[in-house]
Amino acid sequence: MQPTRARFVGVELYFGDLEKAKKFYQETLGLEVSDELLGHHVKFDTGGRFICLERRGAESYPSADKAVLFFEVSDLSSTIAAIGKNKIVHSEERWAVLHDPEDHNVLLLQGSAEPDPK
């Protein structure tokens, strides 16, 4: 099987108190909000990658943990086929979720998986 070439693009963390988390990332770390849906999520861009804070329980697919890793792939359909459709927890037209061995969410995004310059 050909290994999937995925490029890390961001992380999402779940919080019970979204406003408290937002305040921490803004005031303590000095990050600027790039996207927000009140009561659902707050997104901060960090130089080509992102950190998204989401209210726990707001996701539309099962989640056993408090983190999601986001990876961009050049061909989502081929990637799903290579991984095995039976390993996909949830999918939409442009993204799919699978779990790692400890049930962390790994979200695959349709996009261009150009080699990371770093």
Protein backbone atom coordinates (compact mmCIF):
# COMPACT_ATOMS: atom_id res chain seq x y z
CA MET A 1 0.00 0.00 0.00
CA GLN A 2 1.31 3.46 -0.97
CA PRO A 3 1.67 5.70 2.12
CA THR A 4 -0.66 8.69 2.25
CA ARG A 5 1.13 12.03 1.90
CA ALA A 6 -0.69 14.26 4.33
CA ARG A 7 0.33 17.77 5.39
CA PHE A 8 -0.40 18.95 8.95
CA VAL A 9 -2.54 22.11 8.89
CA GLY A 10 -3.98 22.53 12.37
CA VAL A 11 -5.37 21.26 15.64
CA GLU A 12 -8.72 21.56 17.40
CA LEU A 13 -9.13 21.34 21.15
CA TYR A 14 -12.44 20.85 22.98
CA PHE A 15 -13.43 22.96 25.99
CA GLY A 16 -16.31 23.05 28.45
CA ASP A 17 -15.83 26.81 28.92
CA LEU A 18 -15.15 28.19 25.44
CA GLU A 19 -15.03 31.84 26.52
CA LYS A 20 -12.43 31.12 29.21
CA ALA A 21 -10.32 29.22 26.66
CA LYS A 22 -10.65 32.04 24.10
CA LYS A 23 -9.55 34.59 26.70
CA PHE A 24 -6.47 32.48 27.56
CA TYR A 25 -5.32 32.13 23.94
CA GLN A 26 -5.98 35.82 23.21
CA GLU A 27 -4.65 37.43 26.38
CA THR A 28 -1.95 35.01 27.51
CA LEU A 29 -0.56 33.96 24.12
CA GLY A 30 -1.52 37.09 22.16
CA LEU A 31 -3.25 35.20 19.33
CA GLU A 32 -5.76 36.97 17.10
CA VAL A 33 -9.15 35.47 16.26
CA SER A 34 -9.50 34.67 12.55
CA ASP A 35 -12.94 32.99 12.66
CA GLU A 36 -15.63 32.56 15.30
CA LEU A 37 -19.10 31.10 15.66
CA LEU A 38 -20.35 32.20 19.09
CA GLY A 39 -20.94 29.28 21.41
CA HIS A 40 -19.47 26.80 18.90
CA HIS A 41 -15.82 27.56 18.02
CA VAL A 42 -13.02 30.13 17.88
CA LYS A 43 -10.18 29.81 15.37
CA PHE A 44 -6.73 31.41 15.55
CA ASP A 45 -4.31 31.37 12.60
CA THR A 46 -0.70 30.82 13.59
CA GLY A 47 1.52 31.38 10.58
CA GLY A 48 0.04 28.98 8.05
CA ARG A 49 -1.40 26.57 10.63
CA PHE A 50 -4.38 27.00 12.92
CA ILE A 51 -5.63 26.32 16.42
CA CYS A 52 -9.38 25.91 16.74
CA LEU A 53 -11.11 25.86 20.12
CA GLU A 54 -14.51 24.14 20.05
CA ARG A 55 -17.21 23.78 22.67
CA ARG A 56 -17.23 20.18 23.88
CA GLY A 57 -20.16 18.27 22.34
CA ALA A 58 -20.57 20.58 19.32
CA GLU A 59 -19.04 18.12 16.83
CA SER A 60 -21.28 16.20 14.40
CA TYR A 61 -19.37 12.90 14.67
CA PRO A 62 -18.42 10.73 17.64
CA SER A 63 -15.41 11.87 19.60
CA ALA A 64 -13.84 10.04 22.50
CA ASP A 65 -11.19 12.64 23.20
CA LYS A 66 -10.51 16.36 23.38
CA ALA A 67 -8.31 16.86 20.32
CA VAL A 68 -8.51 16.73 16.54
CA LEU A 69 -5.48 16.78 14.24
CA PHE A 70 -6.10 18.19 10.75
CA PHE A 71 -4.24 16.94 7.69
CA GLU A 72 -4.64 18.06 4.09
CA VAL A 73 -4.45 15.43 1.33
CA SER A 74 -4.37 15.92 -2.44
CA ASP A 75 -7.05 13.31 -3.22
CA LEU A 76 -9.47 12.50 -0.41
CA SER A 77 -11.20 9.62 -2.23
CA SER A 78 -7.91 7.87 -2.98
CA THR A 79 -6.71 8.44 0.57
CA ILE A 80 -9.88 6.90 2.01
CA ALA A 81 -9.49 3.93 -0.33
CA ALA A 82 -5.84 3.48 0.71
CA ILE A 83 -6.63 3.72 4.42
CA GLY A 84 -9.73 1.55 4.15
CA LYS A 85 -13.28 2.88 4.14
CA ASN A 86 -14.08 0.74 7.19
CA LYS A 87 -11.67 2.88 9.26
CA ILE A 88 -13.54 6.12 8.47
CA VAL A 89 -15.76 7.28 11.36
CA HIS A 90 -17.56 10.04 9.45
CA SER A 91 -17.17 11.68 6.06
CA GLU A 92 -18.51 14.58 4.06
CA GLU A 93 -17.73 15.70 0.52
CA ARG A 94 -14.47 17.51 1.40
CA TRP A 95 -13.40 15.88 4.68
CA ALA A 96 -13.33 12.60 6.59
CA VAL A 97 -12.59 11.54 10.17
CA LEU A 98 -10.82 8.46 11.45
CA HIS A 99 -9.52 7.55 14.91
CA ASP A 100 -5.95 6.75 15.85
CA PRO A 101 -5.26 3.78 18.17
CA GLU A 102 -6.16 5.88 21.26
CA ASP A 103 -9.37 7.22 19.62
CA HIS A 104 -8.05 10.73 18.94
CA ASN A 105 -9.76 12.28 15.93
CA VAL A 106 -7.72 12.63 12.75
CA LEU A 107 -9.50 14.77 10.18
CA LEU A 108 -8.48 14.57 6.52
CA LEU A 109 -9.24 17.62 4.37
CA GLN A 110 -9.44 17.65 0.59
CA GLY A 111 -6.86 20.11 -0.67
CA SER A 112 -3.42 20.30 -2.13
CA ALA A 113 -0.82 18.29 -0.21
CA GLU A 114 2.23 20.14 -1.44
CA PRO A 115 5.40 19.20 0.42
CA ASP A 116 5.81 21.18 3.62
CA PRO A 117 8.74 23.62 3.15
CA LYS A 118 10.00 22.91 6.69
